[in-house]
Amino acid sequence: MAEGGALLRRYTGLNPYRGFESLSLRQISSLKLLLFLAGLLFAVDAASQPAGVENCARCHGARGEGGLTGAPPLAGLPMDYLARQLAAYADGRRQHSVMTPIARGLSPEEREALAAYYARLPAPTPPPQIGKVAGVIKKA
């Protein structure tokens, strides 16, 4: 612990044996402001998400980037396209064992809000391709 305590004090200025008592009033004020701003940013992000987005995130990823389940990315797709697909699932023109019941459980307004939300998100960038330079695949 002595070694770790010395490192903590050296890099943060905190005395591990006295806890927050070793912080100056200015450091405490800065820490409080930082925590407040972080909480505010989290609240703004959560408030900007429409109802139902957590259900989408389970398969399509937290930011619509596409999921590990094979669900396609939604971020950056046109709002009209997303709204049409959700409506097609909801009214039975398109069938999927997972999407159909989810879309049917959403009101038309909720479907529109989700479509608008995912359309506003930046499209995910594709991962780099090994051996691919400027759109040409090198032969080994």
N, C-alpha and C. Protein backbone atom coordinates (compact mmCIF):
# COMPACT_ATOMS: atom_id res chain seq x y z
N MET A 1 0.83 -1.20 0.00
CA MET A 1 0.00 0.00 0.00
C MET A 1 0.87 1.25 0.00
N ALA A 2 2.01 1.18 0.65
CA ALA A 2 2.86 2.37 0.72
C ALA A 2 3.28 2.80 -0.68
N GLU A 3 3.65 1.84 -1.53
CA GLU A 3 4.05 2.17 -2.89
C GLU A 3 2.89 2.78 -3.67
N GLY A 4 1.70 2.17 -3.56
CA GLY A 4 0.52 2.68 -4.24
C GLY A 4 0.13 4.05 -3.72
N GLY A 5 0.26 4.24 -2.41
CA GLY A 5 -0.07 5.53 -1.81
C GLY A 5 0.83 6.63 -2.32
N ALA A 6 2.11 6.31 -2.48
CA ALA A 6 3.07 7.30 -2.98
C ALA A 6 2.73 7.67 -4.42
N LEU A 7 2.35 6.67 -5.23
CA LEU A 7 1.97 6.95 -6.62
C LEU A 7 0.71 7.80 -6.69
N LEU A 8 -0.27 7.47 -5.85
CA LEU A 8 -1.51 8.23 -5.82
C LEU A 8 -1.23 9.69 -5.47
N ARG A 9 -0.41 9.90 -4.46
CA ARG A 9 -0.10 11.27 -4.05
C ARG A 9 0.68 11.98 -5.15
N ARG A 10 1.61 11.30 -5.79
CA ARG A 10 2.44 11.92 -6.81
C ARG A 10 1.62 12.37 -8.00
N TYR A 11 0.69 11.53 -8.47
CA TYR A 11 -0.03 11.84 -9.70
C TYR A 11 -1.35 12.57 -9.48
N THR A 12 -1.92 12.54 -8.31
CA THR A 12 -3.21 13.20 -8.10
C THR A 12 -3.16 14.26 -7.02
N GLY A 13 -2.15 14.23 -6.20
CA GLY A 13 -2.09 15.16 -5.09
C GLY A 13 -2.91 14.73 -3.90
N LEU A 14 -3.58 13.58 -4.00
CA LEU A 14 -4.40 13.08 -2.89
C LEU A 14 -3.54 12.32 -1.90
N ASN A 15 -3.84 12.48 -0.65
CA ASN A 15 -3.21 11.69 0.39
C ASN A 15 -4.12 10.49 0.65
N PRO A 16 -3.70 9.28 0.29
CA PRO A 16 -4.58 8.12 0.42
C PRO A 16 -4.95 7.80 1.87
N TYR A 17 -4.20 8.34 2.80
CA TYR A 17 -4.46 8.05 4.21
C TYR A 17 -5.42 9.07 4.82
N ARG A 18 -5.61 10.19 4.15
CA ARG A 18 -6.50 11.21 4.67
C ARG A 18 -7.73 11.39 3.78
N GLY A 19 -7.79 10.70 2.65
CA GLY A 19 -8.94 10.80 1.76
C GLY A 19 -9.10 12.20 1.19
N PHE A 20 -10.33 12.67 1.16
CA PHE A 20 -10.62 13.97 0.57
C PHE A 20 -10.19 15.13 1.45
N GLU A 21 -9.75 14.85 2.67
CA GLU A 21 -9.28 15.92 3.54
C GLU A 21 -8.07 16.63 2.95
N SER A 22 -7.31 15.92 2.10
CA SER A 22 -6.10 16.51 1.54
C SER A 22 -6.40 17.39 0.33
N LEU A 23 -7.64 17.46 -0.11
CA LEU A 23 -8.00 18.31 -1.23
C LEU A 23 -8.18 19.75 -0.77
N SER A 24 -7.76 20.66 -1.62
CA SER A 24 -7.98 22.07 -1.31
C SER A 24 -9.43 22.42 -1.65
N LEU A 25 -9.88 23.55 -1.17
CA LEU A 25 -11.24 24.01 -1.46
C LEU A 25 -11.42 24.19 -2.97
N ARG A 26 -10.40 24.68 -3.63
CA ARG A 26 -10.46 24.88 -5.09
C ARG A 26 -10.59 23.53 -5.81
N GLN A 27 -9.82 22.52 -5.38
CA GLN A 27 -9.91 21.20 -5.99
C GLN A 27 -11.29 20.58 -5.77
N ILE A 28 -11.84 20.75 -4.59
CA ILE A 28 -13.18 20.21 -4.30
C ILE A 28 -14.22 20.90 -5.17
N SER A 29 -14.12 22.21 -5.30
CA SER A 29 -15.06 22.96 -6.14
C SER A 29 -14.96 22.51 -7.59
N SER A 30 -13.75 22.31 -8.08
CA SER A 30 -13.55 21.85 -9.46
C SER A 30 -14.13 20.46 -9.65
N LEU A 31 -13.92 19.58 -8.68
CA LEU A 31 -14.44 18.22 -8.76
C LEU A 31 -15.97 18.23 -8.76
N LYS A 32 -16.56 19.06 -7.90
CA LYS A 32 -18.02 19.16 -7.85
C LYS A 32 -18.57 19.67 -9.18
N LEU A 33 -17.92 20.66 -9.77
CA LEU A 33 -18.36 21.20 -11.05
C LEU A 33 -18.25 20.15 -12.16
N LEU A 34 -17.15 19.42 -12.16
CA LEU A 34 -16.95 18.37 -13.16
C LEU A 34 -18.02 17.29 -13.05
N LEU A 35 -18.32 16.86 -11.83
CA LEU A 35 -19.35 15.84 -11.63
C LEU A 35 -20.73 16.36 -12.03
N PHE A 36 -21.00 17.62 -11.72
CA PHE A 36 -22.28 18.22 -12.11
C PHE A 36 -22.43 18.25 -13.62
N LEU A 37 -21.38 18.70 -14.33
CA LEU A 37 -21.44 18.78 -15.79
C LEU A 37 -21.57 17.40 -16.43
N ALA A 38 -20.87 16.42 -15.88
CA ALA A 38 -20.98 15.05 -16.41
C ALA A 38 -22.40 14.54 -16.24
N GLY A 39 -23.00 14.79 -15.09
CA GLY A 39 -24.38 14.37 -14.85
C GLY A 39 -25.34 15.09 -15.76
N LEU A 40 -25.10 16.37 -16.01
CA LEU A 40 -25.95 17.15 -16.89
C LEU A 40 -25.88 16.62 -18.32
N LEU A 41 -24.68 16.34 -18.80
CA LEU A 41 -24.52 15.79 -20.15
C LEU A 41 -25.22 14.44 -20.28
N PHE A 42 -25.11 13.60 -19.26
CA PHE A 42 -25.79 12.30 -19.29
C PHE A 42 -27.29 12.49 -19.34
N ALA A 43 -27.81 13.42 -18.55
CA ALA A 43 -29.25 13.67 -18.51
C ALA A 43 -29.75 14.21 -19.84
N VAL A 44 -28.99 15.10 -20.47
CA VAL A 44 -29.39 15.66 -21.76
C VAL A 44 -29.43 14.56 -22.82
N ASP A 45 -28.42 13.69 -22.84
CA ASP A 45 -28.38 12.60 -23.81
C ASP A 45 -29.55 11.65 -23.60
N ALA A 46 -29.81 11.29 -22.35
CA ALA A 46 -30.92 10.38 -22.06
C ALA A 46 -32.26 11.02 -22.39
N ALA A 47 -32.38 12.33 -22.16
CA ALA A 47 -33.64 13.01 -22.43
C ALA A 47 -33.89 13.14 -23.93
N SER A 48 -32.83 13.17 -24.74
CA SER A 48 -33.01 13.32 -26.17
C SER A 48 -33.37 12.01 -26.86
N GLN A 49 -33.34 10.92 -26.13
CA GLN A 49 -33.69 9.62 -26.69
C GLN A 49 -35.19 9.40 -26.55
N PRO A 50 -35.85 9.00 -27.63
CA PRO A 50 -37.29 8.75 -27.54
C PRO A 50 -37.58 7.47 -26.77
N ALA A 51 -38.81 7.36 -26.31
CA ALA A 51 -39.24 6.14 -25.61
C ALA A 51 -39.08 4.96 -26.55
N GLY A 52 -38.63 3.85 -26.02
CA GLY A 52 -38.49 2.63 -26.82
C GLY A 52 -37.11 2.41 -27.39
N VAL A 53 -36.22 3.41 -27.30
CA VAL A 53 -34.90 3.25 -27.90
C VAL A 53 -34.10 2.14 -27.22
N GLU A 54 -34.36 1.89 -25.93
CA GLU A 54 -33.62 0.83 -25.25
C GLU A 54 -33.95 -0.54 -25.84
N ASN A 55 -35.17 -0.73 -26.32
CA ASN A 55 -35.51 -1.99 -26.98
C ASN A 55 -34.73 -2.15 -28.28
N CYS A 56 -34.60 -1.08 -29.03
CA CYS A 56 -33.85 -1.12 -30.30
C CYS A 56 -32.37 -1.41 -30.03
N ALA A 57 -31.85 -0.78 -28.97
CA ALA A 57 -30.42 -0.89 -28.66
C ALA A 57 -30.00 -2.31 -28.33
N ARG A 58 -30.92 -3.11 -27.83
CA ARG A 58 -30.55 -4.49 -27.48
C ARG A 58 -29.99 -5.26 -28.67
N CYS A 59 -30.53 -5.01 -29.84
CA CYS A 59 -30.05 -5.72 -31.04
C CYS A 59 -29.26 -4.83 -31.99
N HIS A 60 -29.66 -3.56 -32.11
CA HIS A 60 -29.06 -2.67 -33.10
C HIS A 60 -27.91 -1.84 -32.54
N GLY A 61 -27.56 -2.02 -31.26
CA GLY A 61 -26.45 -1.28 -30.65
C GLY A 61 -26.92 -0.01 -29.98
N ALA A 62 -26.16 0.44 -29.01
CA ALA A 62 -26.52 1.60 -28.20
C ALA A 62 -26.69 2.88 -29.02
N ARG A 63 -25.93 3.03 -30.07
CA ARG A 63 -26.00 4.23 -30.92
C ARG A 63 -26.43 3.86 -32.34
N GLY A 64 -27.12 2.73 -32.49
CA GLY A 64 -27.61 2.33 -33.81
C GLY A 64 -26.55 1.85 -34.75
N GLU A 65 -25.41 1.43 -34.20
CA GLU A 65 -24.27 1.03 -35.02
C GLU A 65 -24.37 -0.38 -35.58
N GLY A 66 -25.39 -1.11 -35.21
CA GLY A 66 -25.51 -2.51 -35.62
C GLY A 66 -25.05 -3.38 -34.48
N GLY A 67 -25.70 -4.49 -34.33
CA GLY A 67 -25.40 -5.31 -33.17
C GLY A 67 -24.63 -6.56 -33.48
N LEU A 68 -24.18 -7.19 -32.42
CA LEU A 68 -23.46 -8.46 -32.56
C LEU A 68 -24.40 -9.59 -32.94
N THR A 69 -25.71 -9.33 -32.85
CA THR A 69 -26.71 -10.34 -33.21
C THR A 69 -26.90 -10.43 -34.71
N GLY A 70 -26.27 -9.55 -35.46
CA GLY A 70 -26.46 -9.51 -36.90
C GLY A 70 -27.50 -8.48 -37.32
N ALA A 71 -28.07 -7.78 -36.35
CA ALA A 71 -29.02 -6.73 -36.67
C ALA A 71 -28.30 -5.61 -37.42
N PRO A 72 -28.93 -5.06 -38.45
CA PRO A 72 -28.24 -4.03 -39.25
C PRO A 72 -28.13 -2.71 -38.51
N PRO A 73 -27.17 -1.88 -38.93
CA PRO A 73 -27.07 -0.54 -38.35
C PRO A 73 -28.27 0.31 -38.77
N LEU A 74 -28.72 1.17 -37.86
CA LEU A 74 -29.83 2.08 -38.14
C LEU A 74 -29.36 3.53 -38.22
N ALA A 75 -28.28 3.85 -37.56
CA ALA A 75 -27.78 5.23 -37.48
C ALA A 75 -27.49 5.78 -38.87
N GLY A 76 -28.01 6.98 -39.11
CA GLY A 76 -27.72 7.66 -40.36
C GLY A 76 -28.61 7.27 -41.53
N LEU A 77 -29.47 6.29 -41.36
CA LEU A 77 -30.39 5.93 -42.45
C LEU A 77 -31.46 7.00 -42.57
N PRO A 78 -32.04 7.19 -43.76
CA PRO A 78 -33.07 8.22 -43.93
C PRO A 78 -34.29 7.95 -43.05
N MET A 79 -34.83 9.02 -42.49
CA MET A 79 -35.97 8.91 -41.60
C MET A 79 -37.16 8.24 -42.29
N ASP A 80 -37.45 8.65 -43.52
CA ASP A 80 -38.59 8.08 -44.24
C ASP A 80 -38.44 6.57 -44.42
N TYR A 81 -37.24 6.13 -44.74
CA TYR A 81 -36.99 4.70 -44.91
C TYR A 81 -37.25 3.94 -43.60
N LEU A 82 -36.69 4.46 -42.50
CA LEU A 82 -36.87 3.80 -41.21
C LEU A 82 -38.35 3.77 -40.81
N ALA A 83 -39.05 4.88 -41.01
CA ALA A 83 -40.47 4.94 -40.66
C ALA A 83 -41.28 3.95 -41.50
N ARG A 84 -40.97 3.85 -42.79
CA ARG A 84 -41.69 2.88 -43.67
C ARG A 84 -41.44 1.45 -43.23
N GLN A 85 -40.21 1.13 -42.84
CA GLN A 85 -39.91 -0.24 -42.43
C GLN A 85 -40.64 -0.58 -41.13
N LEU A 86 -40.64 0.34 -40.17
CA LEU A 86 -41.36 0.09 -38.92
C LEU A 86 -42.86 -0.06 -39.18
N ALA A 87 -43.41 0.77 -40.06
CA ALA A 87 -44.84 0.66 -40.40
C ALA A 87 -45.13 -0.68 -41.07
N ALA A 88 -44.23 -1.14 -41.93
CA ALA A 88 -44.42 -2.42 -42.61
C ALA A 88 -44.41 -3.58 -41.61
N TYR A 89 -43.53 -3.52 -40.63
CA TYR A 89 -43.53 -4.55 -39.58
C TYR A 89 -44.82 -4.47 -38.77
N ALA A 90 -45.24 -3.25 -38.45
CA ALA A 90 -46.42 -3.07 -37.61
C ALA A 90 -47.70 -3.55 -38.27
N ASP A 91 -47.83 -3.31 -39.58
CA ASP A 91 -49.08 -3.71 -40.25
C ASP A 91 -49.01 -5.07 -40.93
N GLY A 92 -47.88 -5.76 -40.80
CA GLY A 92 -47.78 -7.12 -41.30
C GLY A 92 -47.28 -7.27 -42.73
N ARG A 93 -46.97 -6.16 -43.41
CA ARG A 93 -46.43 -6.27 -44.77
C ARG A 93 -45.02 -6.86 -44.76
N ARG A 94 -44.36 -6.73 -43.64
CA ARG A 94 -43.02 -7.30 -43.48
C ARG A 94 -43.03 -8.11 -42.20
N GLN A 95 -42.44 -9.30 -42.25
CA GLN A 95 -42.48 -10.21 -41.10
C GLN A 95 -41.07 -10.49 -40.59
N HIS A 96 -40.96 -10.49 -39.28
CA HIS A 96 -39.71 -10.88 -38.61
C HIS A 96 -40.10 -11.28 -37.19
N SER A 97 -39.53 -12.37 -36.72
CA SER A 97 -39.94 -12.90 -35.41
C SER A 97 -39.69 -11.94 -34.25
N VAL A 98 -38.71 -11.07 -34.37
CA VAL A 98 -38.41 -10.12 -33.31
C VAL A 98 -39.02 -8.75 -33.61
N MET A 99 -38.83 -8.26 -34.83
CA MET A 99 -39.24 -6.90 -35.17
C MET A 99 -40.76 -6.72 -35.24
N THR A 100 -41.49 -7.70 -35.73
CA THR A 100 -42.93 -7.54 -35.88
C THR A 100 -43.62 -7.23 -34.56
N PRO A 101 -43.41 -8.02 -33.49
CA PRO A 101 -44.08 -7.68 -32.24
C PRO A 101 -43.62 -6.36 -31.63
N ILE A 102 -42.35 -6.01 -31.82
CA ILE A 102 -41.86 -4.73 -31.29
C ILE A 102 -42.55 -3.58 -32.00
N ALA A 103 -42.58 -3.62 -33.33
CA ALA A 103 -43.21 -2.53 -34.10
C ALA A 103 -44.70 -2.44 -33.82
N ARG A 104 -45.34 -3.57 -33.64
CA ARG A 104 -46.79 -3.55 -33.34
C ARG A 104 -47.06 -2.94 -31.97
N GLY A 105 -46.11 -3.01 -31.08
CA GLY A 105 -46.28 -2.43 -29.75
C GLY A 105 -46.04 -0.93 -29.70
N LEU A 106 -45.59 -0.34 -30.81
CA LEU A 106 -45.31 1.10 -30.86
C LEU A 106 -46.46 1.84 -31.54
N SER A 107 -46.76 3.01 -31.03
CA SER A 107 -47.76 3.86 -31.69
C SER A 107 -47.12 4.47 -32.95
N PRO A 108 -47.92 4.97 -33.88
CA PRO A 108 -47.33 5.64 -35.06
C PRO A 108 -46.41 6.80 -34.67
N GLU A 109 -46.77 7.53 -33.62
CA GLU A 109 -45.93 8.64 -33.17
C GLU A 109 -44.59 8.14 -32.63
N GLU A 110 -44.61 7.03 -31.89
CA GLU A 110 -43.37 6.46 -31.36
C GLU A 110 -42.49 5.94 -32.50
N ARG A 111 -43.10 5.34 -33.50
CA ARG A 111 -42.32 4.87 -34.66
C ARG A 111 -41.66 6.05 -35.38
N GLU A 112 -42.39 7.13 -35.55
CA GLU A 112 -41.83 8.34 -36.19
C GLU A 112 -40.68 8.91 -35.35
N ALA A 113 -40.87 8.96 -34.04
CA ALA A 113 -39.84 9.51 -33.15
C ALA A 113 -38.57 8.66 -33.21
N LEU A 114 -38.73 7.35 -33.21
CA LEU A 114 -37.56 6.47 -33.31
C LEU A 114 -36.86 6.63 -34.66
N ALA A 115 -37.63 6.72 -35.73
CA ALA A 115 -37.05 6.91 -37.06
C ALA A 115 -36.27 8.22 -37.12
N ALA A 116 -36.83 9.28 -36.56
CA ALA A 116 -36.15 10.58 -36.55
C ALA A 116 -34.87 10.52 -35.71
N TYR A 117 -34.94 9.84 -34.58
CA TYR A 117 -33.78 9.72 -33.69
C TYR A 117 -32.62 9.01 -34.40
N TYR A 118 -32.90 7.85 -34.99
CA TYR A 118 -31.82 7.10 -35.64
C TYR A 118 -31.32 7.80 -36.90
N ALA A 119 -32.18 8.54 -37.59
CA ALA A 119 -31.74 9.28 -38.77
C ALA A 119 -30.76 10.40 -38.39
N ARG A 120 -30.93 10.98 -37.20
CA ARG A 120 -30.05 12.07 -36.73
C ARG A 120 -28.68 11.57 -36.30
N LEU A 121 -28.57 10.32 -35.92
CA LEU A 121 -27.29 9.80 -35.44
C LEU A 121 -26.30 9.66 -36.60
N PRO A 122 -25.01 9.85 -36.34
CA PRO A 122 -24.02 9.66 -37.41
C PRO A 122 -23.92 8.19 -37.81
N ALA A 123 -23.81 7.97 -39.10
CA ALA A 123 -23.67 6.60 -39.60
C ALA A 123 -22.35 6.02 -39.09
N PRO A 124 -22.35 4.74 -38.71
CA PRO A 124 -21.10 4.14 -38.23
C PRO A 124 -20.07 4.04 -39.36
N THR A 125 -18.82 4.18 -38.98
CA THR A 125 -17.77 4.03 -39.98
C THR A 125 -17.40 2.56 -40.08
N PRO A 126 -17.22 2.07 -41.29
CA PRO A 126 -16.87 0.66 -41.43
C PRO A 126 -15.46 0.40 -40.90
N PRO A 127 -15.21 -0.82 -40.40
CA PRO A 127 -13.86 -1.13 -39.92
C PRO A 127 -12.89 -1.16 -41.09
N PRO A 128 -11.62 -0.88 -40.84
CA PRO A 128 -10.64 -0.91 -41.93
C PRO A 128 -10.50 -2.31 -42.50
N GLN A 129 -10.30 -2.38 -43.80
CA GLN A 129 -10.13 -3.66 -44.47
C GLN A 129 -8.64 -3.94 -44.67
N ILE A 130 -8.19 -5.07 -44.22
CA ILE A 130 -6.78 -5.44 -44.36
C ILE A 130 -6.51 -5.77 -45.81
N GLY A 131 -5.45 -5.18 -46.35
CA GLY A 131 -5.07 -5.43 -47.74
C GLY A 131 -5.86 -4.61 -48.74
N LYS A 132 -6.70 -3.71 -48.28
CA LYS A 132 -7.51 -2.90 -49.18
C LYS A 132 -6.96 -1.47 -49.15
N VAL A 133 -6.54 -0.97 -50.30
CA VAL A 133 -5.99 0.37 -50.39
C VAL A 133 -6.75 1.12 -51.48
N ALA A 134 -7.34 2.23 -51.11
CA ALA A 134 -8.06 3.10 -52.04
C ALA A 134 -9.06 2.32 -52.89
N GLY A 135 -9.78 1.40 -52.28
CA GLY A 135 -10.83 0.67 -52.98
C GLY A 135 -10.35 -0.49 -53.83
N VAL A 136 -9.06 -0.77 -53.81
CA VAL A 136 -8.51 -1.86 -54.62
C VAL A 136 -7.97 -2.92 -53.66
N ILE A 137 -8.32 -4.16 -53.89
CA ILE A 137 -7.82 -5.25 -53.06
C ILE A 137 -6.51 -5.76 -53.65
N LYS A 138 -5.49 -5.79 -52.82
CA LYS A 138 -4.18 -6.28 -53.27
C LYS A 138 -4.21 -7.81 -53.29
N LYS A 139 -3.63 -8.38 -54.28
CA LYS A 139 -3.49 -9.83 -54.35
C LYS A 139 -2.22 -10.25 -53.65
N ALA A 140 -2.33 -11.33 -52.89
CA ALA A 140 -1.17 -11.81 -52.14
C ALA A 140 -0.21 -12.56 -53.01
